Amino acid sequence: MRVVIHAGMHKTGSSSIQEYFQNSKYEDLVYTRWTDSNHCGLFVLLFEDPDKLAGYHGFKARGPDFISALPRMKERWLESLKEDLAQSEGKTLVFSAEDISAPQFRNAVVRMHEFFKSHAAQIEVVGYVRSPLSFAVSAFQQMLKDGGLNKLHVEALWPHYRSRFGMLEEVFGINNMMLRVYDPADLERGDVVSDFASILGVSMRGPPPTQINTSLSAEATALLFVQRRLGDGYLSGFMGAQAGNNSFVDKLQTIGERKMTFSEEIWNPVLERHVDDLKWIEKRLGRNLDHVYPAGAFRIGSESDLIQLALQSYDAVETLLFDSVRTSSRPPVQRLARTLDLLRKFSY
């Protein structure tokens, strides 16, 4: 049996890989079952320290009832994974979770390795590596989406390549690691899903799928930053919190078309502080990573830049608000009550 663990890193087309292989049937592949195509929650549930489960962002946001059910869920999904392994004899089992490459989950990675080593003769880990500036910009947007950030702190967005991939090399063995540059010029057919399919040894069925979980525009990023920084922020701790947040972000995503990046003034000092880390990953890859500033991108140099950019989209937000009220699927009385609540809030 061959186990292929796709370990991210974050913001390298993982969602597209996960959606495609969950929904595609190959005779010699078994895609691990879970409530989502992304196995991050399953990875944490089965292998993370038990006392840390309640603090995991994907669980915490769902409220106390969900947290209390985690021990029962762990038993059920551990059996499910064992069943998937039993069905994978003579085949390849795929497990895909970006959090596997996150340094804070080292203990979970060690337990995962021990678990799979007891079931499979061949374990391979695949990681895609994104250049630091493009990673930092994308990570900033994703952390805003997930409610994990409400201020501009560029230092915290450095990828920490050695902590990520050095950890995986130590646990799984450097000979079991495959690192690929997340760049169309380096990927099979210029696409990460096609590239991962080639690693698995299967052919893509049809054209590469459309990339999902795409970047926010500069305008939408600025608006989301203002809401997180100066508004009520990310609401969580109850069922439906994630779905409501996703709907809110989707609405903002319709505003603006410009790309964003960080200015040289705030990015270059970060790059200089982490030059040794960059050299480490470039040596592992056998090539340099680019540091290109996207042409025409809005360059963020401060929180003030984000706020000023957001103010320029005020009319678009106002239109979205009124459209949301008018097109709400709630029953008329509930829609009226919600509209009155909004009016009351603006009255204070």
Protein backbone atom coordinates (compact mmCIF):
# COMPACT_ATOMS: atom_id res chain seq x y z
CA MET A 1 0.00 0.00 0.00
CA ARG A 2 1.15 3.51 -0.83
CA VAL A 3 0.10 6.50 1.28
CA VAL A 4 0.58 9.95 -0.25
CA ILE A 5 0.24 12.83 2.20
CA HIS A 6 -0.34 16.22 0.60
CA ALA A 7 0.89 18.68 3.22
CA GLY A 8 0.22 22.04 1.59
CA MET A 9 1.82 24.47 2.18
CA HIS A 10 -1.07 26.88 2.72
CA LYS A 11 -2.12 29.02 -0.24
CA THR A 12 -0.77 26.71 -2.95
CA GLY A 13 -3.98 25.52 -4.63
CA SER A 14 -4.79 22.94 -1.97
CA SER A 15 -8.54 23.53 -2.13
CA SER A 16 -8.57 22.74 -5.85
CA ILE A 17 -6.58 19.53 -5.31
CA GLN A 18 -8.90 18.46 -2.54
CA GLU A 19 -12.14 19.16 -4.40
CA TYR A 20 -10.95 17.40 -7.54
CA PHE A 21 -9.76 14.19 -5.91
CA GLN A 22 -12.69 13.92 -3.53
CA ASN A 23 -15.08 14.06 -6.49
CA SER A 24 -13.07 11.99 -9.00
CA LYS A 25 -13.12 8.21 -8.93
CA TYR A 26 -9.95 6.33 -9.84
CA GLU A 27 -9.70 2.56 -9.56
CA ASP A 28 -6.29 2.64 -7.87
CA LEU A 29 -6.87 5.68 -5.62
CA VAL A 30 -8.71 6.04 -2.31
CA TYR A 31 -9.34 9.60 -1.16
CA THR A 32 -9.70 9.61 2.63
CA ARG A 33 -13.29 10.15 3.74
CA TRP A 34 -14.19 13.16 5.90
CA THR A 35 -16.99 15.70 6.21
CA ASP A 36 -15.01 18.01 3.92
CA SER A 37 -12.60 17.57 1.03
CA ASN A 38 -9.99 19.32 3.18
CA HIS A 39 -8.63 16.88 5.79
CA CYS A 40 -7.27 19.54 8.18
CA GLY A 41 -10.05 18.96 10.69
CA LEU A 42 -9.60 15.19 10.49
CA PHE A 43 -5.83 15.51 10.93
CA VAL A 44 -6.28 17.64 14.04
CA LEU A 45 -9.12 15.53 15.45
CA LEU A 46 -7.21 12.25 15.17
CA PHE A 47 -3.64 13.27 15.93
CA GLU A 48 -3.45 16.58 17.85
CA ASP A 49 -2.96 16.74 21.63
CA PRO A 50 -6.43 16.16 23.13
CA ASP A 51 -6.21 19.23 25.39
CA LYS A 52 -5.70 21.46 22.32
CA LEU A 53 -8.71 20.34 20.31
CA ALA A 54 -11.13 22.87 21.79
CA GLY A 55 -8.83 25.72 20.80
CA TYR A 56 -8.47 24.69 17.16
CA HIS A 57 -10.05 27.43 15.04
CA GLY A 58 -12.04 25.02 12.91
CA PHE A 59 -13.68 23.52 16.01
CA LYS A 60 -13.85 26.51 18.35
CA ALA A 61 -15.97 28.53 15.92
CA ARG A 62 -18.73 25.90 16.01
CA GLY A 63 -19.56 26.30 19.68
CA PRO A 64 -19.59 24.24 22.90
CA ASP A 65 -22.00 21.52 21.70
CA PHE A 66 -19.66 20.66 18.84
CA ILE A 67 -16.64 20.69 21.17
CA SER A 68 -18.32 18.28 23.59
CA ALA A 69 -18.95 15.82 20.76
CA LEU A 70 -15.27 15.66 19.67
CA PRO A 71 -14.31 12.50 21.66
CA ARG A 72 -17.14 10.53 20.05
CA MET A 73 -16.26 11.96 16.65
CA LYS A 74 -12.63 10.90 17.10
CA GLU A 75 -13.60 7.27 17.73
CA ARG A 76 -15.90 7.19 14.71
CA TRP A 77 -13.48 8.82 12.28
CA LEU A 78 -10.52 6.76 13.43
CA GLU A 79 -12.48 3.66 12.48
CA SER A 80 -13.39 5.30 9.17
CA LEU A 81 -9.71 5.92 8.38
CA LYS A 82 -8.84 2.32 9.25
CA GLU A 83 -11.58 1.17 6.87
CA ASP A 84 -10.17 3.39 4.12
CA LEU A 85 -6.74 1.87 4.69
CA ALA A 86 -8.18 -1.63 4.48
CA GLN A 87 -9.76 -0.73 1.14
CA SER A 88 -6.43 0.66 -0.09
CA GLU A 89 -4.53 -2.63 -0.24
CA GLY A 90 -2.62 -2.59 -3.51
CA LYS A 91 -3.74 1.01 -4.10
CA THR A 92 -2.80 4.57 -3.10
CA LEU A 93 -4.47 6.34 -0.20
CA VAL A 94 -4.47 10.16 -0.40
CA PHE A 95 -4.62 12.38 2.69
CA SER A 96 -4.61 16.14 2.09
CA ALA A 97 -4.32 18.79 4.81
CA GLU A 98 -2.33 22.03 4.71
CA ASP A 99 -2.09 22.11 8.50
CA ILE A 100 0.28 19.15 8.34
CA SER A 101 2.99 21.61 7.29
CA ALA A 102 2.21 24.07 10.10
CA PRO A 103 5.03 23.93 12.70
CA GLN A 104 2.66 24.12 15.69
CA PHE A 105 1.29 20.68 14.82
CA ARG A 106 4.58 18.80 15.20
CA ASN A 107 3.20 16.43 17.86
CA ALA A 108 0.25 15.62 15.61
CA VAL A 109 2.59 15.02 12.66
CA VAL A 110 4.64 12.57 14.71
CA ARG A 111 1.49 10.65 15.72
CA MET A 112 0.25 10.65 12.14
CA HIS A 113 3.53 9.20 10.93
CA GLU A 114 3.44 6.47 13.57
CA PHE A 115 -0.14 5.63 12.64
CA PHE A 116 0.44 5.33 8.91
CA LYS A 117 3.77 3.54 9.37
CA SER A 118 1.90 0.76 11.18
CA HIS A 119 -0.42 0.31 8.17
CA ALA A 120 1.56 1.15 5.03
CA ALA A 121 4.92 0.14 3.61
CA GLN A 122 5.32 3.30 1.52
CA ILE A 123 4.60 6.82 2.81
CA GLU A 124 5.33 9.88 0.68
CA VAL A 125 4.86 13.54 1.59
CA VAL A 126 4.26 16.13 -1.11
CA GLY A 127 4.63 19.85 -0.46
CA TYR A 128 4.19 22.85 -2.74
CA VAL A 129 6.34 25.89 -2.01
CA ARG A 130 5.20 29.43 -2.71
CA SER A 131 7.54 32.43 -2.94
CA PRO A 132 7.56 34.48 0.28
CA LEU A 133 5.96 37.74 -0.89
CA SER A 134 3.08 36.09 -2.75
CA PHE A 135 2.58 33.73 0.21
CA ALA A 136 2.50 36.62 2.69
CA VAL A 137 -0.11 38.54 0.69
CA SER A 138 -2.33 35.48 0.26
CA ALA A 139 -1.90 34.46 3.91
CA PHE A 140 -2.88 37.98 5.02
CA GLN A 141 -6.12 37.71 3.06
CA GLN A 142 -6.87 34.21 4.33
CA MET A 143 -6.26 35.17 7.96
CA LEU A 144 -8.62 38.10 7.54
CA LYS A 145 -11.23 35.72 6.11
CA ASP A 146 -10.82 33.27 8.99
CA GLY A 147 -10.85 35.93 11.69
CA GLY A 148 -7.29 35.20 12.76
CA LEU A 149 -6.01 38.73 12.15
CA ASN A 150 -7.20 42.26 12.86
CA LYS A 151 -4.03 44.28 12.36
CA LEU A 152 -1.28 44.68 9.80
CA HIS A 153 1.74 42.77 11.12
CA VAL A 154 3.76 41.70 8.09
CA GLU A 155 6.47 39.95 10.12
CA ALA A 156 3.92 37.34 11.24
CA LEU A 157 3.25 36.42 7.59
CA TRP A 158 6.70 35.02 6.78
CA PRO A 159 6.34 31.36 5.64
CA HIS A 160 9.08 29.91 7.92
CA TYR A 161 10.10 27.31 5.36
CA ARG A 162 12.61 25.45 7.50
CA SER A 163 10.20 25.11 10.42
CA ARG A 164 7.57 23.70 8.04
CA PHE A 165 9.46 21.43 5.72
CA GLY A 166 12.44 20.72 7.95
CA MET A 167 9.99 19.32 10.49
CA LEU A 168 8.43 17.04 7.86
CA GLU A 169 11.87 15.89 6.70
CA GLU A 170 12.81 14.96 10.26
CA VAL A 171 9.61 13.04 10.91
CA PHE A 172 9.07 11.29 7.56
CA GLY A 173 12.67 11.24 6.28
CA ILE A 174 14.13 13.49 3.60
CA ASN A 175 14.00 10.68 1.02
CA ASN A 176 10.21 10.47 1.47
CA MET A 177 9.70 14.20 0.81
CA MET A 178 8.90 15.78 -2.55
CA LEU A 179 8.93 19.57 -2.76
CA ARG A 180 7.53 21.39 -5.80
CA VAL A 181 7.56 25.10 -6.63
CA TYR A 182 4.08 26.58 -6.83
CA ASP A 183 4.63 28.31 -10.15
CA PRO A 184 2.88 27.54 -13.46
CA ALA A 185 6.27 27.32 -15.16
CA ASP A 186 7.24 24.44 -12.86
CA LEU A 187 3.94 22.54 -12.74
CA GLU A 188 2.58 19.85 -15.02
CA ARG A 189 0.36 21.58 -17.60
CA GLY A 190 0.94 24.76 -15.58
CA ASP A 191 -1.63 23.60 -13.03
CA VAL A 192 -1.24 22.31 -9.48
CA VAL A 193 -4.04 19.72 -9.74
CA SER A 194 -2.53 18.24 -12.90
CA ASP A 195 0.85 18.27 -11.20
CA PHE A 196 -0.39 16.38 -8.16
CA ALA A 197 -2.18 13.90 -10.43
CA SER A 198 1.13 13.19 -12.19
CA ILE A 199 2.75 12.51 -8.81
CA LEU A 200 -0.03 10.06 -7.99
CA GLY A 201 0.46 8.43 -11.39
CA VAL A 202 -3.02 9.12 -12.77
CA SER A 203 -4.22 11.10 -15.76
CA MET A 204 -6.47 14.12 -15.46
CA ARG A 205 -9.98 13.62 -16.78
CA GLY A 206 -10.71 16.66 -18.87
CA PRO A 207 -9.16 20.13 -18.55
CA PRO A 208 -7.71 21.29 -15.22
CA PRO A 209 -10.46 22.44 -12.84
CA THR A 210 -11.05 26.10 -12.17
CA GLN A 211 -9.05 27.33 -9.21
CA ILE A 212 -11.18 27.79 -6.09
CA ASN A 213 -10.60 29.83 -2.92
CA THR A 214 -9.26 32.63 -5.11
CA SER A 215 -7.64 35.81 -3.84
CA LEU A 216 -9.58 38.85 -2.72
CA SER A 217 -9.22 42.08 -4.62
CA ALA A 218 -7.30 44.90 -2.96
CA GLU A 219 -10.59 46.69 -2.31
CA ALA A 220 -12.26 43.66 -0.74
CA THR A 221 -9.16 43.01 1.39
CA ALA A 222 -9.24 46.59 2.67
CA LEU A 223 -12.95 46.39 3.48
CA LEU A 224 -12.52 43.12 5.34
CA PHE A 225 -9.59 44.58 7.26
CA VAL A 226 -11.69 47.56 8.37
CA GLN A 227 -14.49 45.26 9.56
CA ARG A 228 -12.05 43.05 11.49
CA ARG A 229 -10.07 45.98 12.91
CA LEU A 230 -12.76 48.58 13.62
CA GLY A 231 -16.07 46.70 13.44
CA ASP A 232 -17.47 43.72 15.33
CA GLY A 233 -14.84 41.43 13.84
CA TYR A 234 -15.26 37.69 13.30
CA LEU A 235 -18.26 36.24 15.09
CA SER A 236 -17.94 32.62 16.22
CA GLY A 237 -18.90 30.12 18.89
CA PHE A 238 -22.27 29.04 17.50
CA MET A 239 -23.54 26.74 14.77
CA GLY A 240 -23.72 28.53 11.44
CA ALA A 241 -20.97 31.00 12.33
CA GLN A 242 -18.62 29.77 9.62
CA ALA A 243 -21.32 29.68 6.96
CA GLY A 244 -22.38 33.24 7.82
CA ASN A 245 -18.80 34.47 7.71
CA ASN A 246 -18.22 32.77 4.35
CA SER A 247 -21.35 34.43 2.96
CA PHE A 248 -20.14 37.82 4.19
CA VAL A 249 -16.71 37.34 2.58
CA ASP A 250 -18.31 36.15 -0.67
CA LYS A 251 -20.31 39.38 -0.84
CA LEU A 252 -17.22 41.52 -0.32
CA GLN A 253 -15.42 39.50 -2.97
CA THR A 254 -17.67 41.05 -5.62
CA ILE A 255 -16.13 44.48 -4.96
CA GLY A 256 -13.03 45.64 -6.81
CA GLU A 257 -10.65 44.12 -9.32
CA ARG A 258 -7.21 45.38 -8.36
CA LYS A 259 -4.54 43.07 -6.97
CA MET A 260 -2.70 43.99 -3.79
CA THR A 261 0.80 43.51 -2.52
CA PHE A 262 2.97 44.90 0.26
CA SER A 263 5.22 47.87 -0.40
CA GLU A 264 9.00 47.55 -0.47
CA GLU A 265 9.18 49.73 2.64
CA ILE A 266 7.43 47.18 4.86
CA TRP A 267 8.38 43.97 3.04
CA ASN A 268 12.12 44.34 2.43
CA PRO A 269 13.03 44.51 6.16
CA VAL A 270 11.12 41.25 6.72
CA LEU A 271 12.92 39.62 3.80
CA GLU A 272 16.31 40.71 5.16
CA ARG A 273 15.57 39.24 8.59
CA HIS A 274 14.69 35.86 7.09
CA VAL A 275 17.30 35.61 4.34
CA ASP A 276 18.81 32.43 5.87
CA ASP A 277 15.43 30.73 5.87
CA LEU A 278 14.94 31.68 2.22
CA LYS A 279 18.38 30.33 1.29
CA TRP A 280 17.53 27.06 3.06
CA ILE A 281 14.40 26.40 1.01
CA GLU A 282 16.02 27.56 -2.23
CA LYS A 283 18.82 25.04 -1.63
CA ARG A 284 16.23 22.30 -1.08
CA LEU A 285 14.43 23.28 -4.28
CA GLY A 286 17.58 23.73 -6.35
CA ARG A 287 16.39 27.11 -7.63
CA ASN A 288 15.64 30.64 -6.49
CA LEU A 289 12.16 31.84 -5.61
CA ASP A 290 10.97 35.01 -7.30
CA HIS A 291 10.26 38.29 -5.54
CA VAL A 292 8.16 39.96 -8.23
CA TYR A 293 5.80 42.79 -7.33
CA PRO A 294 2.65 42.22 -9.44
CA ALA A 295 2.27 44.87 -12.12
CA GLY A 296 -0.43 47.40 -11.31
CA ALA A 297 -1.02 46.01 -7.82
CA PHE A 298 -2.04 48.37 -5.02
CA ARG A 299 0.94 48.48 -2.66
CA ILE A 300 0.02 48.46 1.02
CA GLY A 301 2.48 50.20 3.29
CA SER A 302 0.38 50.81 6.40
CA GLU A 303 -3.00 50.28 8.02
CA SER A 304 -3.87 53.80 6.90
CA ASP A 305 -3.44 52.70 3.29
CA LEU A 306 -5.96 49.91 3.83
CA ILE A 307 -8.46 52.21 5.52
CA GLN A 308 -8.21 54.87 2.81
CA LEU A 309 -8.67 52.26 0.09
CA ALA A 310 -11.70 50.83 1.91
CA LEU A 311 -13.31 54.26 2.14
CA GLN A 312 -13.24 54.51 -1.64
CA SER A 313 -15.62 51.51 -1.80
CA TYR A 314 -18.22 52.88 0.63
CA ASP A 315 -20.92 53.24 -2.03
CA ALA A 316 -20.39 49.65 -3.20
CA VAL A 317 -20.80 48.38 0.38
CA GLU A 318 -23.97 50.42 0.81
CA THR A 319 -25.39 48.86 -2.36
CA LEU A 320 -24.51 45.36 -1.13
CA LEU A 321 -26.24 46.05 2.18
CA PHE A 322 -29.49 47.18 0.57
CA ASP A 323 -29.41 44.30 -1.93
CA SER A 324 -28.90 41.82 0.90
CA VAL A 325 -31.92 43.14 2.74
CA ARG A 326 -34.12 43.09 -0.34
CA THR A 327 -33.10 39.62 -1.52
CA SER A 328 -33.01 37.89 1.85
CA SER A 329 -34.58 34.43 1.86
CA ARG A 330 -35.93 34.91 5.37
CA PRO A 331 -39.71 34.97 5.88
CA PRO A 332 -41.10 38.53 5.55
CA VAL A 333 -41.59 39.06 9.28
CA GLN A 334 -38.05 37.90 10.08
CA ARG A 335 -36.66 40.04 7.27
CA LEU A 336 -38.51 43.07 8.67
CA ALA A 337 -37.27 42.36 12.19
CA ARG A 338 -33.69 42.04 10.93
CA THR A 339 -33.99 45.30 9.00
CA LEU A 340 -35.34 47.04 12.10
CA ASP A 341 -32.40 45.68 14.10
CA LEU A 342 -30.03 47.23 11.57
CA LEU A 343 -31.89 50.54 11.79
CA ARG A 344 -31.73 50.39 15.58
CA LYS A 345 -28.00 49.75 15.44
CA PHE A 346 -27.45 52.79 13.24
CA SER A 347 -29.51 54.88 15.64
CA TYR A 348 -27.09 54.50 18.54
